[in-house]
PDB file of N, CA and C in Angstrom:
ATOM      1  N   UNK A   1      25.133 129.074  74.712  1.00  0.00           N
ATOM      2  CA  UNK A   1      25.784 128.822  73.837  1.00  0.00           C
ATOM      3  C   UNK A   1      25.639 126.855  74.155  1.00  0.00           C
ATOM      4  N   UNK A   2      25.183 126.642  72.554  1.00  0.00           N
ATOM      5  CA  UNK A   2      24.887 124.551  72.484  1.00  0.00           C
ATOM      6  C   UNK A   2      25.656 124.388  71.655  1.00  0.00           C
ATOM      7  N   UNK A   3      25.793 123.250  73.019  1.00  0.00           N
ATOM      8  CA  UNK A   3      27.746 122.198  72.282  1.00  0.00           C
ATOM      9  C   UNK A   3      27.124 121.578  70.886  1.00  0.00           C
ATOM     10  N   UNK A   4      28.100 121.729  70.366  1.00  0.00           N
ATOM     11  CA  UNK A   4      27.822 120.947  68.834  1.00  0.00           C
ATOM     12  C   UNK A   4      28.372 119.373  69.273  1.00  0.00           C
ATOM     13  N   UNK A   5      28.270 119.172  68.466  1.00  0.00           N
ATOM     14  CA  UNK A   5      28.822 117.389  68.322  1.00  0.00           C
ATOM     15  C   UNK A   5      29.427 117.189  67.203  1.00  0.00           C
ATOM     16  N   UNK A   6      30.327 116.569  67.380  1.00  0.00           N
ATOM     17  CA  UNK A   6      31.318 116.227  66.018  1.00  0.00           C
ATOM     18  C   UNK A   6      31.370 115.272  65.777  1.00  0.00           C
ATOM     19  N   UNK A   7      30.893 115.169  64.825  1.00  0.00           N
ATOM     20  CA  UNK A   7      31.212 113.631  63.905  1.00  0.00           C
ATOM     21  C   UNK A   7      32.922 113.853  63.622  1.00  0.00           C
ATOM     22  N   UNK A   8      33.330 112.367  63.463  1.00  0.00           N
ATOM     23  CA  UNK A   8      34.406 111.664  62.972  1.00  0.00           C
ATOM     24  C   UNK A   8      33.965 110.642  61.747  1.00  0.00           C
ATOM     25  N   UNK A   9      34.677 110.713  60.913  1.00  0.00           N
ATOM     26  CA  UNK A   9      34.132 109.765  59.699  1.00  0.00           C
ATOM     27  C   UNK A   9      35.555 108.991  59.757  1.00  0.00           C
ATOM     28  N   UNK A  10      35.316 107.285  59.639  1.00  0.00           N
ATOM     29  CA  UNK A  10      36.633 106.514  59.131  1.00  0.00           C
ATOM     30  C   UNK A  10      36.905 106.333  57.999  1.00  0.00           C
ATOM     31  N   UNK A  11      37.938 106.701  57.488  1.00  0.00           N
ATOM     32  CA  UNK A  11      37.970 106.079  55.854  1.00  0.00           C
ATOM     33  C   UNK A  11      39.024 104.705  55.901  1.00  0.00           C
ATOM     34  N   UNK A  12      39.156 104.319  55.005  1.00  0.00           N
ATOM     35  CA  UNK A  12      39.725 103.053  54.680  1.00  0.00           C
ATOM     36  C   UNK A  12      41.114 103.758  54.418  1.00  0.00           C
ATOM     37  N   UNK A  13      41.953 102.502  54.937  1.00  0.00           N
ATOM     38  CA  UNK A  13      43.465 102.951  55.246  1.00  0.00           C
ATOM     39  C   UNK A  13      43.974 102.642  53.368  1.00  0.00           C
ATOM     40  N   UNK A  14      44.905 103.944  53.290  1.00  0.00           N
ATOM     41  CA  UNK A  14      45.284 104.188  52.086  1.00  0.00           C
ATOM     42  C   UNK A  14      46.364 102.619  51.314  1.00  0.00           C
ATOM     43  N   UNK A  15      46.170 102.426  50.285  1.00  0.00           N
ATOM     44  CA  UNK A  15      46.881 101.396  49.863  1.00  0.00           C
ATOM     45  C   UNK A  15      48.206 101.977  49.136  1.00  0.00           C
ATOM     46  N   UNK A  16      48.746 103.081  49.202  1.00  0.00           N
ATOM     47  CA  UNK A  16      50.218 103.621  49.337  1.00  0.00           C
ATOM     48  C   UNK A  16      50.965 102.644  49.093  1.00  0.00           C
ATOM     49  N   UNK A  17      51.162 102.016  50.479  1.00  0.00           N
ATOM     50  CA  UNK A  17      52.091 101.033  51.127  1.00  0.00           C
ATOM     51  C   UNK A  17      51.915  99.465  49.231  1.00  0.00           C
ATOM     52  N   UNK A  18      51.080  98.851  49.671  1.00  0.00           N
ATOM     53  CA  UNK A  18      50.810  98.407  48.326  1.00  0.00           C
ATOM     54  C   UNK A  18      51.569  98.702  47.386  1.00  0.00           C
ATOM     55  N   UNK A  19      51.411  99.721  46.870  1.00  0.00           N
ATOM     56  CA  UNK A  19      51.622 100.420  45.415  1.00  0.00           C
ATOM     57  C   UNK A  19      52.835 100.894  45.350  1.00  0.00           C
ATOM     58  N   UNK A  20      53.599 101.022  46.023  1.00  0.00           N
ATOM     59  CA  UNK A  20      54.952 101.827  45.877  1.00  0.00           C
ATOM     60  C   UNK A  20      55.791 100.237  46.469  1.00  0.00           C
ATOM     61  N   UNK A  21      55.842  99.063  47.063  1.00  0.00           N
ATOM     62  CA  UNK A  21      56.017  98.313  47.309  1.00  0.00           C
ATOM     63  C   UNK A  21      56.592  97.876  48.716  1.00  0.00           C
ATOM     64  N   UNK A  22      55.972  99.055  49.629  1.00  0.00           N
ATOM     65  CA  UNK A  22      57.038  98.348  50.927  1.00  0.00           C
ATOM     66  C   UNK A  22      56.027  97.558  51.690  1.00  0.00           C
ATOM     67  N   UNK A  23      56.343  97.194  52.686  1.00  0.00           N
ATOM     68  CA  UNK A  23      55.861  96.331  53.821  1.00  0.00           C
ATOM     69  C   UNK A  23      56.786  94.589  53.297  1.00  0.00           C
ATOM     70  N   UNK A  24      55.999  93.897  53.845  1.00  0.00           N
ATOM     71  CA  UNK A  24      56.489  92.597  54.002  1.00  0.00           C
ATOM     72  C   UNK A  24      56.541  91.708  52.406  1.00  0.00           C
ATOM     73  N   UNK A  25      57.920  91.367  52.276  1.00  0.00           N
ATOM     74  CA  UNK A  25      58.086  90.649  51.014  1.00  0.00           C
ATOM     75  C   UNK A  25      58.382  89.565  51.001  1.00  0.00           C
ATOM     76  N   UNK A  26      57.978  88.154  49.737  1.00  0.00           N
ATOM     77  CA  UNK A  26      57.929  87.394  49.919  1.00  0.00           C
ATOM     78  C   UNK A  26      59.210  87.103  49.178  1.00  0.00           C
ATOM     79  N   UNK A  27      60.130  86.077  49.863  1.00  0.00           N
ATOM     80  CA  UNK A  27      61.375  84.969  49.248  1.00  0.00           C
ATOM     81  C   UNK A  27      61.171  85.334  47.827  1.00  0.00           C
ATOM     82  N   UNK A  28      61.868  85.386  47.030  1.00  0.00           N
ATOM     83  CA  UNK A  28      62.333  85.023  45.507  1.00  0.00           C
ATOM     84  C   UNK A  28      62.064  83.444  45.180  1.00  0.00           C
ATOM     85  N   UNK A  29      60.811  82.343  44.572  1.00  0.00           N
ATOM     86  CA  UNK A  29      60.524  81.555  43.979  1.00  0.00           C
ATOM     87  C   UNK A  29      61.429  80.639  43.633  1.00  0.00           C
ATOM     88  N   UNK A  30      61.779  79.674  43.946  1.00  0.00           N
ATOM     89  CA  UNK A  30      63.138  78.684  44.294  1.00  0.00           C
ATOM     90  C   UNK A  30      62.955  77.677  44.222  1.00  0.00           C
ATOM     91  N   UNK A  31      63.251  76.363  44.495  1.00  0.00           N
ATOM     92  CA  UNK A  31      62.641  75.386  44.401  1.00  0.00           C
ATOM     93  C   UNK A  31      61.446  74.755  45.346  1.00  0.00           C
ATOM     94  N   UNK A  32      60.487  73.779  44.830  1.00  0.00           N
ATOM     95  CA  UNK A  32      59.664  73.549  45.420  1.00  0.00           C
ATOM     96  C   UNK A  32      59.127  72.478  45.958  1.00  0.00           C
ATOM     97  N   UNK A  33      59.809  71.828  47.299  1.00  0.00           N
ATOM     98  CA  UNK A  33      59.800  71.118  47.751  1.00  0.00           C
ATOM     99  C   UNK A  33      61.171  69.796  47.626  1.00  0.00           C
ATOM    100  N   UNK A  34      62.156  70.211  47.392  1.00  0.00           N
ATOM    101  CA  UNK A  34      63.088  69.509  46.843  1.00  0.00           C
ATOM    102  C   UNK A  34      63.764  68.502  47.673  1.00  0.00           C
ATOM    103  N   UNK A  35      64.366  69.591  49.385  1.00  0.00           N
ATOM    104  CA  UNK A  35      65.161  68.849  50.269  1.00  0.00           C
ATOM    105  C   UNK A  35      64.245  68.563  51.076  1.00  0.00           C
ATOM    106  N   UNK A  36      63.048  69.022  51.435  1.00  0.00           N
ATOM    107  CA  UNK A  36      62.238  69.037  52.629  1.00  0.00           C
ATOM    108  C   UNK A  36      61.327  67.813  51.817  1.00  0.00           C
ATOM    109  N   UNK A  37      61.250  67.367  50.772  1.00  0.00           N
ATOM    110  CA  UNK A  37      60.176  66.419  50.206  1.00  0.00           C
ATOM    111  C   UNK A  37      61.391  64.829  50.674  1.00  0.00           C
ATOM    112  N   UNK A  38      62.674  64.880  50.750  1.00  0.00           N
ATOM    113  CA  UNK A  38      63.516  63.786  50.764  1.00  0.00           C
ATOM    114  C   UNK A  38      63.279  64.105  52.026  1.00  0.00           C
ATOM    115  N   UNK A  39      63.360  64.940  52.921  1.00  0.00           N
ATOM    116  CA  UNK A  39      63.239  64.569  54.444  1.00  0.00           C
ATOM    117  C   UNK A  39      62.381  64.130  54.960  1.00  0.00           C
ATOM    118  N   UNK A  40      61.083  64.815  54.197  1.00  0.00           N
ATOM    119  CA  UNK A  40      59.791  63.719  55.052  1.00  0.00           C
ATOM    120  C   UNK A  40      59.621  62.683  54.826  1.00  0.00           C
ATOM    121  N   UNK A  41      60.821  61.942  53.178  1.00  0.00           N
ATOM    122  CA  UNK A  41      60.102  60.502  52.917  1.00  0.00           C
ATOM    123  C   UNK A  41      61.377  59.514  53.905  1.00  0.00           C
ATOM    124  N   UNK A  42      62.305  60.526  54.386  1.00  0.00           N
ATOM    125  CA  UNK A  42      63.484  60.122  55.579  1.00  0.00           C
ATOM    126  C   UNK A  42      62.378  59.444  57.019  1.00  0.00           C
ATOM    127  N   UNK A  43      61.783  60.182  57.056  1.00  0.00           N
ATOM    128  CA  UNK A  43      60.920  60.338  58.429  1.00  0.00           C
ATOM    129  C   UNK A  43      59.372  59.575  58.040  1.00  0.00           C
ATOM    130  N   UNK A  44      59.029  59.342  57.660  1.00  0.00           N
ATOM    131  CA  UNK A  44      58.037  58.337  57.162  1.00  0.00           C
ATOM    132  C   UNK A  44      58.500  56.997  57.156  1.00  0.00           C
ATOM    133  N   UNK A  45      60.086  56.357  56.264  1.00  0.00           N
ATOM    134  CA  UNK A  45      60.648  55.268  56.661  1.00  0.00           C
ATOM    135  C   UNK A  45      61.301  55.125  58.352  1.00  0.00           C
ATOM    136  N   UNK A  46      61.646  56.437  58.993  1.00  0.00           N
ATOM    137  CA  UNK A  46      62.282  56.036  60.075  1.00  0.00           C
ATOM    138  C   UNK A  46      61.063  55.703  60.711  1.00  0.00           C
ATOM    139  N   UNK A  47      59.505  56.211  61.122  1.00  0.00           N
ATOM    140  CA  UNK A  47      58.524  56.196  61.939  1.00  0.00           C
ATOM    141  C   UNK A  47      58.250  54.730  61.339  1.00  0.00           C
ATOM    142  N   UNK A  48      58.074  54.524  60.252  1.00  0.00           N
ATOM    143  CA  UNK A  48      57.593  52.696  60.498  1.00  0.00           C
ATOM    144  C   UNK A  48      58.512  51.871  61.040  1.00  0.00           C
ATOM    145  N   UNK A  49      59.943  52.134  60.026  1.00  0.00           N
ATOM    146  CA  UNK A  49      61.167  51.340  61.139  1.00  0.00           C
ATOM    147  C   UNK A  49      60.719  51.462  62.647  1.00  0.00           C
ATOM    148  N   UNK A  50      60.476  52.075  63.537  1.00  0.00           N
ATOM    149  CA  UNK A  50      60.012  52.344  64.540  1.00  0.00           C
ATOM    150  C   UNK A  50      59.312  51.587  64.844  1.00  0.00           C
ATOM    151  N   UNK A  51      58.139  51.710  64.079  1.00  0.00           N
ATOM    152  CA  UNK A  51      56.918  50.813  64.112  1.00  0.00           C
ATOM    153  C   UNK A  51      57.405  48.988  64.277  1.00  0.00           C
ATOM    154  N   UNK A  52      57.775  48.720  63.106  1.00  0.00           N
ATOM    155  CA  UNK A  52      58.025  47.722  63.296  1.00  0.00           C
ATOM    156  C   UNK A  52      58.953  46.663  63.898  1.00  0.00           C
ATOM    157  N   UNK A  53      59.816  47.442  64.979  1.00  0.00           N
ATOM    158  CA  UNK A  53      60.935  47.312  65.757  1.00  0.00           C
ATOM    159  C   UNK A  53      60.443  47.714  67.632  1.00  0.00           C
ATOM    160  N   UNK A  54      59.272  48.061  67.010  1.00  0.00           N
ATOM    161  CA  UNK A  54      58.900  48.280  68.895  1.00  0.00           C
ATOM    162  C   UNK A  54      58.911  47.422  69.226  1.00  0.00           C
ATOM    163  N   UNK A  55      58.270  46.194  69.158  1.00  0.00           N
ATOM    164  CA  UNK A  55      58.462  45.020  69.759  1.00  0.00           C
ATOM    165  C   UNK A  55      59.381  44.022  70.717  1.00  0.00           C
ATOM    166  N   UNK A  56      60.390  44.957  69.816  1.00  0.00           N
ATOM    167  CA  UNK A  56      61.566  43.871  70.388  1.00  0.00           C
ATOM    168  C   UNK A  56      61.761  44.836  72.181  1.00  0.00           C
ATOM    169  N   UNK A  57      61.277  45.914  72.116  1.00  0.00           N
ATOM    170  CA  UNK A  57      62.171  46.708  73.584  1.00  0.00           C
ATOM    171  C   UNK A  57      60.487  47.208  74.147  1.00  0.00           C
ATOM    172  N   UNK A  58      59.805  45.815  74.089  1.00  0.00           N
ATOM    173  CA  UNK A  58      58.451  46.626  74.754  1.00  0.00           C
ATOM    174  C   UNK A  58      58.574  46.159  76.561  1.00  0.00           C
ATOM    175  N   UNK A  59      59.703  45.892  77.010  1.00  0.00           N
ATOM    176  CA  UNK A  59      60.094  45.736  78.437  1.00  0.00           C
ATOM    177  C   UNK A  59      60.066  47.210  78.673  1.00  0.00           C
ATOM    178  N   UNK A  60      60.674  48.139  78.240  1.00  0.00           N
ATOM    179  CA  UNK A  60      61.116  49.539  78.436  1.00  0.00           C
ATOM    180  C   UNK A  60      60.309  50.446  78.032  1.00  0.00           C
ATOM    181  N   UNK A  61      60.325  51.641  78.537  1.00  0.00           N
ATOM    182  CA  UNK A  61      59.371  52.818  78.758  1.00  0.00           C
ATOM    183  C   UNK A  61      59.192  53.742  77.854  1.00  0.00           C
ATOM    184  N   UNK A  62      58.479  54.152  77.728  1.00  0.00           N
ATOM    185  CA  UNK A  62      58.707  54.188  75.919  1.00  0.00           C
ATOM    186  C   UNK A  62      59.953  55.116  75.653  1.00  0.00           C
ATOM    187  N   UNK A  63      60.178  56.448  76.383  1.00  0.00           N
ATOM    188  CA  UNK A  63      61.242  57.139  76.085  1.00  0.00           C
ATOM    189  C   UNK A  63      62.470  56.304  76.334  1.00  0.00           C
ATOM    190  N   UNK A  64      62.701  55.083  76.669  1.00  0.00           N
ATOM    191  CA  UNK A  64      63.949  54.222  76.801  1.00  0.00           C
ATOM    192  C   UNK A  64      63.697  53.767  75.294  1.00  0.00           C
ATOM    193  N   UNK A  65      62.458  53.246  74.615  1.00  0.00           N
ATOM    194  CA  UNK A  65      62.281  52.615  73.822  1.00  0.00           C
ATOM    195  C   UNK A  65      62.978  53.283  72.428  1.00  0.00           C
ATOM    196  N   UNK A  66      62.156  54.615  72.942  1.00  0.00           N
ATOM    197  CA  UNK A  66      62.896  55.532  71.729  1.00  0.00           C
ATOM    198  C   UNK A  66      64.249  55.604  71.069  1.00  0.00           C
ATOM    199  N   UNK A  67      65.362  55.526  72.443  1.00  0.00           N
ATOM    200  CA  UNK A  67      66.605  56.112  72.621  1.00  0.00           C
ATOM    201  C   UNK A  67      66.942  54.559  71.586  1.00  0.00           C
ATOM    202  N   UNK A  68      66.487  53.316  71.819  1.00  0.00           N
ATOM    203  CA  UNK A  68      66.932  52.151  71.777  1.00  0.00           C
ATOM    204  C   UNK A  68      66.961  52.285  69.876  1.00  0.00           C
ATOM    205  N   UNK A  69      65.489  52.503  70.015  1.00  0.00           N
ATOM    206  CA  UNK A  69      65.619  52.175  68.132  1.00  0.00           C
ATOM    207  C   UNK A  69      66.190  53.391  67.774  1.00  0.00           C
ATOM    208  N   UNK A  70      66.155  54.378  68.172  1.00  0.00           N
ATOM    209  CA  UNK A  70      67.164  55.628  67.403  1.00  0.00           C
ATOM    210  C   UNK A  70      68.667  54.766  66.850  1.00  0.00           C
ATOM    211  N   UNK A  71      69.490  54.062  68.203  1.00  0.00           N
ATOM    212  CA  UNK A  71      70.741  53.981  68.081  1.00  0.00           C
ATOM    213  C   UNK A  71      70.258  52.742  66.753  1.00  0.00           C
ATOM    214  N   UNK A  72      69.400  51.619  66.968  1.00  0.00           N
ATOM    215  CA  UNK A  72      69.685  50.433  65.402  1.00  0.00           C
ATOM    216  C   UNK A  72      69.164  51.514  64.294  1.00  0.00           C
ATOM    217  N   UNK A  73      68.484  52.761  64.244  1.00  0.00           N
ATOM    218  CA  UNK A  73      67.970  53.418  63.079  1.00  0.00           C
ATOM    219  C   UNK A  73      68.905  53.795  62.588  1.00  0.00           C
ATOM    220  N   UNK A  74      70.031  54.297  62.990  1.00  0.00           N
ATOM    221  CA  UNK A  74      71.508  54.932  62.911  1.00  0.00           C
ATOM    222  C   UNK A  74      72.189  53.872  61.913  1.00  0.00           C
ATOM    223  N   UNK A  75      72.057  52.659  62.236  1.00  0.00           N
ATOM    224  CA  UNK A  75      72.652  51.827  61.417  1.00  0.00           C
ATOM    225  C   UNK A  75      71.238  50.742  60.180  1.00  0.00           C
ATOM    226  N   UNK A  76      70.778  50.891  60.291  1.00  0.00           N
ATOM    227  CA  UNK A  76      69.931  49.970  59.769  1.00  0.00           C
ATOM    228  C   UNK A  76      69.990  50.478  58.274  1.00  0.00           C
ATOM    229  N   UNK A  77      69.561  49.229  57.671  1.00  0.00           N
ATOM    230  CA  UNK A  77      70.048  49.400  56.196  1.00  0.00           C
ATOM    231  C   UNK A  77      68.661  50.094  55.534  1.00  0.00           C
ATOM    232  N   UNK A  78      67.473  50.445  56.140  1.00  0.00           N
ATOM    233  CA  UNK A  78      66.418  51.198  55.608  1.00  0.00           C
ATOM    234  C   UNK A  78      66.897  52.425  55.348  1.00  0.00           C
ATOM    235  N   UNK A  79      67.860  53.168  56.390  1.00  0.00           N
ATOM    236  CA  UNK A  79      67.879  54.764  56.586  1.00  0.00           C
ATOM    237  C   UNK A  79      68.621  54.999  55.531  1.00  0.00           C
ATOM    238  N   UNK A  80      68.010  56.155  55.140  1.00  0.00           N
ATOM    239  CA  UNK A  80      68.430  56.932  53.492  1.00  0.00           C
ATOM    240  C   UNK A  80      69.813  57.254  53.872  1.00  0.00           C
ATOM    241  N   UNK A  81      70.253  57.599  54.892  1.00  0.00           N
ATOM    242  CA  UNK A  81      71.369  58.457  55.697  1.00  0.00           C
ATOM    243  C   UNK A  81      72.235  57.100  55.360  1.00  0.00           C
ATOM    244  N   UNK A  82      71.967  56.080  55.714  1.00  0.00           N
ATOM    245  CA  UNK A  82      73.353  55.201  55.806  1.00  0.00           C
ATOM    246  C   UNK A  82      73.594  54.538  53.788  1.00  0.00           C
ATOM    247  N   UNK A  83      72.193  54.536  53.261  1.00  0.00           N
ATOM    248  CA  UNK A  83      72.362  53.803  52.160  1.00  0.00           C
ATOM    249  C   UNK A  83      73.101  54.975  51.039  1.00  0.00           C
ATOM    250  N   UNK A  84      73.185  56.419  51.628  1.00  0.00           N
ATOM    251  CA  UNK A  84      73.611  57.266  50.740  1.00  0.00           C
ATOM    252  C   UNK A  84      75.023  57.638  50.548  1.00  0.00           C
TER     253      UNK A  84
END
């Protein structure tokens, strides 16, 4: 008796999941960029402030400079949170 070769065929996965609505669902559309745009603008202002005032703490290591600049930033008029 001769062995018979079995063949398997691969078929594309069925599209039933997408058709019936199961799977990962996206959140409903909402604001686009409202709060995140404000946060991004505040971050840009903070980085510019740090760059402009870094020379005041040039004798400190970078980590200490960041701490001191952060303290100054909290009360700086350029800070959007202070003016708000």
